């Protein structure tokens, strides 16, 4: 059987196949370079030498942006003094307190999701089956019966339309 591996040009004991995306494709083994040495690979990306499992290998260099520390706009002492000013009793501060309380109580209005016919039917039919459940059937069985009824009704659009009209009223 013929070997498709070719010995690397810089380290003769290492070999490559020629299908690698790293600089090894050019016959350059990572063993012949220092750690953190960077070189462009076949994929036009930057690769650097790293140690993995005790061997030097080419690894793709990720563009990691540095995380920087941001200086806050207000210092903690400024925040506490502004809070203390609000806590002091006075006519102006009472108005400010009232505004802050109103702002904290007013939250974003909940956006109500549009209910589909399927969801409306499932809720209606499950509630109906639960109220009629004399033999304490498990919820899984009740849900299965509900989905079976939905499938049956989907095949009879006239009956489904009548039922949905009565449910929605």
N, C-alpha and C. Protein backbone atom coordinates (compact mmCIF):
# COMPACT_ATOMS: atom_id res chain seq x y z
N UNK A 1 0.84 -1.18 0.00
CA UNK A 1 0.00 0.00 0.00
C UNK A 1 0.88 1.24 0.00
N UNK A 2 0.57 2.18 -0.83
CA UNK A 2 1.39 3.37 -1.00
C UNK A 2 1.01 4.42 0.04
N UNK A 3 1.99 5.00 0.70
CA UNK A 3 1.75 6.04 1.70
C UNK A 3 1.59 7.38 0.99
N UNK A 4 0.55 8.15 1.39
CA UNK A 4 0.31 9.45 0.78
C UNK A 4 0.93 10.57 1.59
N UNK A 5 1.64 10.23 2.66
CA UNK A 5 2.26 11.25 3.49
C UNK A 5 3.63 11.61 2.93
N UNK A 6 3.91 12.92 3.00
CA UNK A 6 5.17 13.45 2.49
C UNK A 6 5.95 14.00 3.68
N UNK A 7 7.26 13.77 3.76
CA UNK A 7 8.02 14.32 4.89
C UNK A 7 8.09 15.85 4.81
N UNK A 8 7.99 16.49 5.99
CA UNK A 8 8.06 17.95 6.07
C UNK A 8 9.45 18.43 5.68
N UNK A 9 9.52 19.64 5.12
CA UNK A 9 10.79 20.17 4.65
C UNK A 9 11.68 20.66 5.79
N UNK A 10 11.10 21.09 6.92
CA UNK A 10 11.94 21.60 8.00
C UNK A 10 12.26 20.54 9.06
N UNK A 11 11.43 19.54 9.25
CA UNK A 11 11.68 18.43 10.18
C UNK A 11 11.40 17.14 9.42
N UNK A 12 12.43 16.34 9.16
CA UNK A 12 12.27 15.15 8.32
C UNK A 12 11.47 14.04 9.00
N UNK A 13 11.39 14.04 10.33
CA UNK A 13 10.63 12.99 11.02
C UNK A 13 9.13 13.25 11.00
N UNK A 14 8.72 14.46 10.69
CA UNK A 14 7.31 14.82 10.60
C UNK A 14 6.85 14.67 9.15
N UNK A 15 5.53 14.45 8.97
CA UNK A 15 5.00 14.31 7.62
C UNK A 15 3.67 15.04 7.49
N UNK A 16 3.25 15.26 6.25
CA UNK A 16 1.98 15.94 5.97
C UNK A 16 1.34 15.31 4.76
N UNK A 17 0.02 15.54 4.58
CA UNK A 17 -0.70 14.93 3.46
C UNK A 17 -0.89 15.90 2.29
N UNK A 18 -0.83 17.20 2.56
CA UNK A 18 -1.06 18.18 1.52
C UNK A 18 -2.51 18.63 1.46
N UNK A 19 -3.33 18.15 2.40
CA UNK A 19 -4.74 18.56 2.46
C UNK A 19 -5.00 19.47 3.65
N UNK A 20 -3.98 19.78 4.44
CA UNK A 20 -4.14 20.61 5.62
C UNK A 20 -4.40 22.06 5.24
N UNK A 21 -5.12 22.78 6.08
CA UNK A 21 -5.36 24.20 5.88
C UNK A 21 -4.27 25.04 6.54
N UNK A 22 -3.54 24.43 7.47
CA UNK A 22 -2.49 25.13 8.22
C UNK A 22 -1.21 25.24 7.37
N UNK A 23 -0.21 25.93 7.89
CA UNK A 23 1.06 26.01 7.17
C UNK A 23 1.73 24.66 6.95
N UNK A 24 1.25 23.63 7.64
CA UNK A 24 1.81 22.29 7.43
C UNK A 24 1.60 21.84 5.98
N UNK A 25 0.59 22.37 5.33
CA UNK A 25 0.32 22.02 3.93
C UNK A 25 1.51 22.39 3.04
N UNK A 26 2.27 23.41 3.47
CA UNK A 26 3.44 23.83 2.70
C UNK A 26 4.68 23.05 3.11
N UNK A 27 4.51 22.03 3.96
CA UNK A 27 5.64 21.22 4.41
C UNK A 27 6.34 21.80 5.62
N UNK A 28 5.69 22.68 6.36
CA UNK A 28 6.29 23.30 7.53
C UNK A 28 5.68 22.73 8.80
N UNK A 29 6.43 21.88 9.49
CA UNK A 29 5.97 21.29 10.73
C UNK A 29 6.06 22.31 11.86
N UNK A 30 5.13 22.26 12.79
CA UNK A 30 5.12 23.17 13.93
C UNK A 30 6.29 22.89 14.86
N UNK A 31 6.83 21.67 14.82
CA UNK A 31 7.95 21.30 15.69
C UNK A 31 9.19 22.15 15.41
N UNK A 32 9.32 22.67 14.23
CA UNK A 32 10.50 23.44 13.86
C UNK A 32 10.43 24.92 14.24
N UNK A 33 9.35 25.35 14.91
CA UNK A 33 9.18 26.75 15.25
C UNK A 33 9.00 26.93 16.75
N UNK A 34 9.20 28.15 17.21
CA UNK A 34 9.01 28.48 18.63
C UNK A 34 7.51 28.58 18.92
N UNK A 35 7.16 28.46 20.19
CA UNK A 35 5.76 28.60 20.61
C UNK A 35 5.32 30.04 20.34
N UNK A 36 4.07 30.20 19.90
CA UNK A 36 3.44 31.48 19.53
C UNK A 36 3.97 32.07 18.23
N UNK A 37 4.76 31.32 17.46
CA UNK A 37 5.19 31.78 16.15
C UNK A 37 3.97 31.79 15.24
N UNK A 38 3.78 32.86 14.49
CA UNK A 38 2.61 33.00 13.63
C UNK A 38 3.00 32.92 12.16
N UNK A 39 2.14 32.24 11.38
CA UNK A 39 2.37 32.10 9.94
C UNK A 39 1.02 31.95 9.27
N UNK A 40 0.95 32.44 8.03
CA UNK A 40 -0.29 32.34 7.26
C UNK A 40 -0.41 30.94 6.68
N UNK A 41 -1.61 30.36 6.80
CA UNK A 41 -1.86 29.02 6.30
C UNK A 41 -2.42 29.04 4.89
N UNK A 42 -2.77 27.88 4.39
CA UNK A 42 -3.31 27.74 3.04
C UNK A 42 -4.66 28.45 2.92
N UNK A 43 -5.41 28.54 4.04
CA UNK A 43 -6.72 29.18 4.03
C UNK A 43 -6.65 30.70 4.22
N UNK A 44 -5.43 31.26 4.12
CA UNK A 44 -5.18 32.70 4.28
C UNK A 44 -5.52 33.21 5.67
N UNK A 45 -5.58 32.33 6.66
CA UNK A 45 -5.79 32.70 8.05
C UNK A 45 -4.45 32.63 8.78
N UNK A 46 -4.36 33.31 9.91
CA UNK A 46 -3.13 33.28 10.70
C UNK A 46 -3.17 32.07 11.63
N UNK A 47 -2.11 31.29 11.60
CA UNK A 47 -1.96 30.11 12.46
C UNK A 47 -0.77 30.35 13.37
N UNK A 48 -0.85 29.83 14.60
CA UNK A 48 0.28 29.98 15.51
C UNK A 48 0.61 28.63 16.13
N UNK A 49 1.85 28.50 16.58
CA UNK A 49 2.33 27.25 17.16
C UNK A 49 1.92 27.21 18.63
N UNK A 50 1.24 26.13 19.02
CA UNK A 50 0.82 25.91 20.41
C UNK A 50 1.21 24.49 20.81
N UNK A 51 1.23 24.24 22.11
CA UNK A 51 1.51 22.89 22.59
C UNK A 51 0.20 22.23 22.98
N UNK A 52 -0.06 21.07 22.41
CA UNK A 52 -1.23 20.26 22.76
C UNK A 52 -0.77 18.83 22.93
N UNK A 53 -1.11 18.25 24.07
CA UNK A 53 -0.72 16.87 24.41
C UNK A 53 0.79 16.67 24.29
N UNK A 54 1.54 17.67 24.70
CA UNK A 54 3.00 17.55 24.72
C UNK A 54 3.68 17.71 23.38
N UNK A 55 2.95 18.09 22.35
CA UNK A 55 3.53 18.27 21.02
C UNK A 55 3.19 19.65 20.50
N UNK A 56 4.05 20.18 19.66
CA UNK A 56 3.78 21.47 19.02
C UNK A 56 2.89 21.23 17.81
N UNK A 57 1.82 22.03 17.73
CA UNK A 57 0.88 21.90 16.62
C UNK A 57 0.50 23.30 16.13
N UNK A 58 0.00 23.35 14.90
CA UNK A 58 -0.52 24.60 14.36
C UNK A 58 -1.95 24.76 14.85
N UNK A 59 -2.27 25.91 15.39
CA UNK A 59 -3.66 26.18 15.77
C UNK A 59 -4.05 27.55 15.20
N UNK A 60 -5.30 27.63 14.75
CA UNK A 60 -5.78 28.87 14.14
C UNK A 60 -5.86 29.95 15.20
N UNK A 61 -5.35 31.11 14.87
CA UNK A 61 -5.38 32.22 15.81
C UNK A 61 -6.73 32.89 15.70
N UNK A 62 -7.43 32.95 16.83
CA UNK A 62 -8.75 33.58 16.87
C UNK A 62 -8.57 35.07 17.11
N UNK A 63 -9.38 35.84 16.47
CA UNK A 63 -9.36 37.29 16.69
C UNK A 63 -10.18 37.59 17.94
N UNK A 64 -9.51 37.61 19.07
CA UNK A 64 -10.18 37.89 20.33
C UNK A 64 -9.96 39.35 20.65
N UNK A 65 -11.05 40.06 20.79
CA UNK A 65 -10.92 41.46 21.14
C UNK A 65 -10.65 41.57 22.63
N UNK A 66 -9.82 42.53 23.01
CA UNK A 66 -9.48 42.70 24.40
C UNK A 66 -10.65 43.31 25.16
N UNK A 67 -10.85 42.84 26.37
CA UNK A 67 -11.88 43.40 27.23
C UNK A 67 -11.25 44.52 28.02
N UNK A 68 -11.85 45.68 27.93
CA UNK A 68 -11.29 46.83 28.63
C UNK A 68 -12.19 47.23 29.77
N UNK A 69 -11.60 47.83 30.77
CA UNK A 69 -12.35 48.30 31.92
C UNK A 69 -12.90 49.69 31.62
N UNK A 70 -14.20 49.85 31.81
CA UNK A 70 -14.81 51.15 31.58
C UNK A 70 -14.98 51.87 32.90
N UNK A 71 -14.69 53.14 32.89
CA UNK A 71 -14.86 53.96 34.09
C UNK A 71 -16.32 54.39 34.15
N UNK A 72 -17.02 54.14 35.29
CA UNK A 72 -18.43 54.52 35.37
C UNK A 72 -18.61 56.03 35.29
N UNK A 73 -19.73 56.45 34.72
CA UNK A 73 -20.01 57.87 34.58
C UNK A 73 -20.28 58.52 35.94
N UNK A 74 -20.94 57.82 36.84
CA UNK A 74 -21.20 58.31 38.18
C UNK A 74 -20.43 57.47 39.17
N UNK A 75 -19.78 58.10 40.09
CA UNK A 75 -19.09 57.33 41.13
C UNK A 75 -20.10 56.92 42.18
N UNK A 76 -19.75 55.96 43.00
CA UNK A 76 -20.68 55.47 44.02
C UNK A 76 -21.03 56.57 45.02
N UNK A 77 -20.08 57.49 45.30
CA UNK A 77 -20.38 58.56 46.24
C UNK A 77 -21.41 59.53 45.65
N UNK A 78 -21.35 59.79 44.34
CA UNK A 78 -22.34 60.66 43.71
C UNK A 78 -23.72 60.02 43.73
N UNK A 79 -23.77 58.71 43.58
CA UNK A 79 -25.06 58.00 43.59
C UNK A 79 -25.67 58.08 44.98
N UNK A 80 -24.86 57.83 46.01
CA UNK A 80 -25.40 57.87 47.37
C UNK A 80 -25.85 59.26 47.76
N UNK A 81 -25.11 60.30 47.33
CA UNK A 81 -25.53 61.65 47.67
C UNK A 81 -26.84 62.00 46.96
N UNK A 82 -27.02 61.56 45.73
CA UNK A 82 -28.28 61.86 45.03
C UNK A 82 -29.43 61.10 45.67
N UNK A 83 -29.18 59.90 46.17
CA UNK A 83 -30.23 59.14 46.85
C UNK A 83 -30.57 59.81 48.17
N UNK A 84 -29.55 60.27 48.91
CA UNK A 84 -29.78 60.94 50.18
C UNK A 84 -30.57 62.22 49.99
N UNK A 85 -30.32 62.93 48.90
CA UNK A 85 -31.07 64.15 48.63
C UNK A 85 -32.53 63.84 48.44
N UNK A 86 -32.85 62.73 47.81
CA UNK A 86 -34.23 62.33 47.58
C UNK A 86 -34.87 61.92 48.90
N UNK A 87 -34.11 61.30 49.81
CA UNK A 87 -34.64 60.83 51.08
C UNK A 87 -34.96 61.97 52.05
N UNK A 88 -34.33 63.13 51.88
CA UNK A 88 -34.56 64.24 52.80
C UNK A 88 -35.97 64.80 52.60
N UNK A 89 -36.65 65.08 53.71
CA UNK A 89 -38.02 65.58 53.56
C UNK A 89 -38.05 67.04 53.14
N UNK A 90 -38.70 67.32 52.08
CA UNK A 90 -38.97 68.68 51.61
C UNK A 90 -40.04 68.60 50.54
N UNK A 91 -40.63 69.70 50.20
CA UNK A 91 -41.72 69.68 49.23
C UNK A 91 -41.24 69.26 47.85
N UNK A 92 -40.06 69.76 47.44
CA UNK A 92 -39.51 69.39 46.12
C UNK A 92 -39.14 67.91 46.10
N UNK A 93 -38.53 67.46 47.19
CA UNK A 93 -38.10 66.07 47.24
C UNK A 93 -39.29 65.12 47.30
N UNK A 94 -40.41 65.56 47.87
CA UNK A 94 -41.59 64.72 47.87
C UNK A 94 -42.08 64.48 46.45
N UNK A 95 -42.03 65.53 45.64
CA UNK A 95 -42.41 65.39 44.24
C UNK A 95 -41.47 64.44 43.50
N UNK A 96 -40.18 64.59 43.79
CA UNK A 96 -39.18 63.72 43.15
C UNK A 96 -39.40 62.28 43.57
N UNK A 97 -39.65 62.06 44.87
CA UNK A 97 -39.91 60.70 45.36
C UNK A 97 -41.12 60.10 44.66
N UNK A 98 -42.17 60.91 44.51
CA UNK A 98 -43.39 60.45 43.88
C UNK A 98 -43.12 60.05 42.43
N UNK A 99 -42.33 60.86 41.71
CA UNK A 99 -41.98 60.55 40.33
C UNK A 99 -41.19 59.27 40.22
N UNK A 100 -40.21 59.11 41.12
CA UNK A 100 -39.38 57.90 41.10
C UNK A 100 -40.24 56.68 41.38
N UNK A 101 -41.16 56.79 42.35
CA UNK A 101 -42.03 55.67 42.69
C UNK A 101 -42.93 55.32 41.51
N UNK A 102 -43.48 56.34 40.84
CA UNK A 102 -44.33 56.10 39.69
C UNK A 102 -43.56 55.44 38.55
N UNK A 103 -42.33 55.90 38.35
CA UNK A 103 -41.50 55.32 37.28
C UNK A 103 -41.17 53.87 37.58
N UNK A 104 -40.92 53.56 38.86
CA UNK A 104 -40.58 52.18 39.20
C UNK A 104 -41.80 51.27 39.10
N UNK A 105 -43.00 51.82 39.39
CA UNK A 105 -44.21 51.02 39.30
C UNK A 105 -44.63 50.79 37.86
N UNK A 106 -44.37 51.76 37.01
CA UNK A 106 -44.74 51.64 35.61
C UNK A 106 -43.70 50.79 34.91
N UNK A 107 -44.12 49.63 34.49
CA UNK A 107 -43.20 48.76 33.75
C UNK A 107 -43.68 48.68 32.31
N UNK A 108 -42.86 48.10 31.50
CA UNK A 108 -43.21 47.98 30.10
C UNK A 108 -44.46 47.13 29.96
N UNK A 109 -45.40 47.52 29.12
CA UNK A 109 -46.61 46.73 28.97
C UNK A 109 -46.28 45.37 28.36
N UNK A 110 -46.97 44.36 28.87
CA UNK A 110 -46.74 43.02 28.34
C UNK A 110 -47.36 42.92 26.96
N UNK A 111 -46.60 42.39 26.04
CA UNK A 111 -47.10 42.19 24.69
C UNK A 111 -47.78 40.83 24.67
N UNK A 112 -49.06 40.84 24.39
CA UNK A 112 -49.79 39.59 24.40
C UNK A 112 -49.59 38.88 23.07
N UNK A 113 -49.20 37.62 23.17
CA UNK A 113 -48.99 36.84 21.96
C UNK A 113 -50.33 36.48 21.33
N UNK A 114 -50.32 36.41 20.03
CA UNK A 114 -51.53 36.02 19.32
C UNK A 114 -51.71 34.52 19.51
N UNK A 115 -52.89 34.14 19.98
CA UNK A 115 -53.17 32.74 20.21
C UNK A 115 -53.67 32.11 18.92
N UNK A 116 -53.11 30.97 18.59
CA UNK A 116 -53.53 30.27 17.38
C UNK A 116 -54.76 29.43 17.69
N UNK A 117 -55.45 29.01 16.64
CA UNK A 117 -56.62 28.14 16.82
C UNK A 117 -56.23 26.86 17.54
N UNK A 118 -55.07 26.34 17.22
CA UNK A 118 -54.60 25.11 17.85
C UNK A 118 -54.47 25.31 19.36
N UNK A 119 -53.81 26.39 19.79
CA UNK A 119 -53.62 26.64 21.21
C UNK A 119 -54.96 26.84 21.92
N UNK A 120 -55.86 27.58 21.29
CA UNK A 120 -57.17 27.81 21.89
C UNK A 120 -57.92 26.49 22.04
N UNK A 121 -57.90 25.67 20.98
CA UNK A 121 -58.61 24.39 21.03
C UNK A 121 -58.01 23.48 22.09
N UNK A 122 -56.67 23.39 22.14
CA UNK A 122 -56.02 22.49 23.11
C UNK A 122 -56.41 22.88 24.53
N UNK A 123 -56.36 24.17 24.83
CA UNK A 123 -56.72 24.62 26.19
C UNK A 123 -58.17 24.28 26.49
N UNK A 124 -59.06 24.60 25.55
CA UNK A 124 -60.48 24.34 25.75
C UNK A 124 -60.74 22.85 25.95
N UNK A 125 -60.22 22.02 25.07
CA UNK A 125 -60.52 20.59 25.11
C UNK A 125 -59.87 19.92 26.31
N UNK A 126 -58.65 20.34 26.68
CA UNK A 126 -58.01 19.76 27.87
C UNK A 126 -58.81 20.11 29.13
N UNK A 127 -59.24 21.36 29.24
CA UNK A 127 -60.05 21.74 30.40
C UNK A 127 -61.34 20.93 30.46
N UNK A 128 -61.95 20.73 29.29
CA UNK A 128 -63.18 19.95 29.22
C UNK A 128 -62.93 18.51 29.66
N UNK A 129 -61.86 17.88 29.16
CA UNK A 129 -61.55 16.50 29.53
C UNK A 129 -61.19 16.39 31.01
N UNK A 130 -60.49 17.38 31.55
CA UNK A 130 -60.12 17.34 32.97
C UNK A 130 -61.35 17.42 33.85
N UNK A 131 -62.32 18.24 33.45
CA UNK A 131 -63.54 18.35 34.26
C UNK A 131 -64.38 17.08 34.18
N UNK A 132 -64.33 16.38 33.06
CA UNK A 132 -65.10 15.14 32.88
C UNK A 132 -64.32 13.92 33.34
N UNK A 133 -63.10 14.08 33.77
CA UNK A 133 -62.22 12.96 34.11
C UNK A 133 -62.66 12.31 35.43
N UNK A 134 -63.45 11.24 35.32
CA UNK A 134 -63.94 10.53 36.51
C UNK A 134 -62.97 9.44 36.97
N UNK A 135 -62.28 8.80 36.00
CA UNK A 135 -61.41 7.68 36.34
C UNK A 135 -59.96 8.10 36.58
N UNK A 136 -59.71 9.40 36.76
CA UNK A 136 -58.36 9.94 37.04
C UNK A 136 -57.32 9.47 36.03
N UNK A 137 -57.61 9.67 34.77
CA UNK A 137 -56.66 9.34 33.71
C UNK A 137 -55.47 10.29 33.80
N UNK A 138 -54.27 9.81 33.49
CA UNK A 138 -53.09 10.68 33.58
C UNK A 138 -53.16 11.80 32.53
N UNK A 139 -52.52 12.95 32.83
CA UNK A 139 -52.56 14.09 31.90
C UNK A 139 -52.04 13.75 30.51
N UNK A 140 -51.07 12.84 30.45
CA UNK A 140 -50.51 12.45 29.16
C UNK A 140 -51.60 11.83 28.26
N UNK A 141 -52.44 11.02 28.86
CA UNK A 141 -53.53 10.38 28.10
C UNK A 141 -54.54 11.42 27.65
N UNK A 142 -54.84 12.37 28.54
CA UNK A 142 -55.79 13.43 28.18
C UNK A 142 -55.25 14.28 27.03
N UNK A 143 -53.96 14.60 27.07
CA UNK A 143 -53.36 15.39 26.00
C UNK A 143 -53.36 14.61 24.68
N UNK A 144 -53.09 13.31 24.76
CA UNK A 144 -53.09 12.48 23.55
C UNK A 144 -54.48 12.46 22.92
N UNK A 145 -55.51 12.35 23.77
CA UNK A 145 -56.89 12.37 23.27
C UNK A 145 -57.21 13.72 22.63
N UNK A 146 -56.70 14.78 23.23
CA UNK A 146 -56.95 16.12 22.69
C UNK A 146 -56.29 16.29 21.32
N UNK A 147 -55.04 15.86 21.19
CA UNK A 147 -54.36 15.98 19.89
C UNK A 147 -55.02 15.09 18.83
N UNK A 148 -55.50 13.92 19.25
CA UNK A 148 -56.22 13.06 18.30
C UNK A 148 -57.50 13.74 17.81
N UNK A 149 -58.21 14.39 18.73
CA UNK A 149 -59.43 15.12 18.36
C UNK A 149 -59.11 16.28 17.42
N UNK A 150 -57.97 16.97 17.66
CA UNK A 150 -57.55 18.07 16.78
C UNK A 150 -57.28 17.56 15.37
N UNK A 151 -56.59 16.42 15.28
CA UNK A 151 -56.31 15.84 13.96
C UNK A 151 -57.60 15.48 13.23
N UNK A 152 -58.57 14.92 13.97
CA UNK A 152 -59.86 14.57 13.38
C UNK A 152 -60.58 15.82 12.87
N UNK A 153 -60.56 16.86 13.68
CA UNK A 153 -61.23 18.10 13.29
C UNK A 153 -60.55 18.79 12.11
N UNK A 154 -59.24 18.67 12.00
CA UNK A 154 -58.52 19.28 10.87
C UNK A 154 -58.99 18.69 9.54
N UNK A 155 -59.44 17.44 9.58
CA UNK A 155 -59.93 16.80 8.36
C UNK A 155 -61.36 17.22 8.04
N UNK A 156 -62.06 17.81 9.02
CA UNK A 156 -63.42 18.30 8.85
C UNK A 156 -63.44 19.81 9.10
N UNK A 157 -63.03 20.63 8.13
CA UNK A 157 -62.90 22.07 8.36
C UNK A 157 -64.20 22.77 8.75
N UNK A 158 -65.35 22.28 8.26
CA UNK A 158 -66.62 22.92 8.62
C UNK A 158 -66.92 22.73 10.10
N UNK A 159 -66.74 21.51 10.58
CA UNK A 159 -66.97 21.21 11.99
C UNK A 159 -65.99 21.99 12.88
N UNK A 160 -64.73 22.08 12.43
CA UNK A 160 -63.72 22.82 13.19
C UNK A 160 -64.09 24.30 13.26
N UNK A 161 -64.55 24.86 12.16
CA UNK A 161 -64.92 26.29 12.14
C UNK A 161 -66.07 26.56 13.11
N UNK A 162 -67.07 25.70 13.12
CA UNK A 162 -68.20 25.88 14.04
C UNK A 162 -67.74 25.80 15.50
N UNK A 163 -66.90 24.83 15.79
CA UNK A 163 -66.41 24.66 17.15
C UNK A 163 -65.55 25.84 17.59
N UNK A 164 -64.69 26.31 16.70
CA UNK A 164 -63.81 27.44 17.05
C UNK A 164 -64.63 28.72 17.25
N UNK A 165 -65.70 28.89 16.48
CA UNK A 165 -66.55 30.05 16.68
C UNK A 165 -67.21 30.02 18.06
N UNK A 166 -67.65 28.84 18.48
CA UNK A 166 -68.29 28.74 19.80
C UNK A 166 -67.27 28.90 20.93
N UNK A 167 -66.07 28.41 20.73
CA UNK A 167 -65.02 28.54 21.76
C UNK A 167 -64.61 29.99 21.93
N UNK A 168 -64.44 30.72 20.83
CA UNK A 168 -63.94 32.08 20.88
C UNK A 168 -64.97 33.06 21.45
N UNK A 169 -66.25 32.67 21.51
CA UNK A 169 -67.27 33.59 22.03
C UNK A 169 -67.29 33.63 23.50
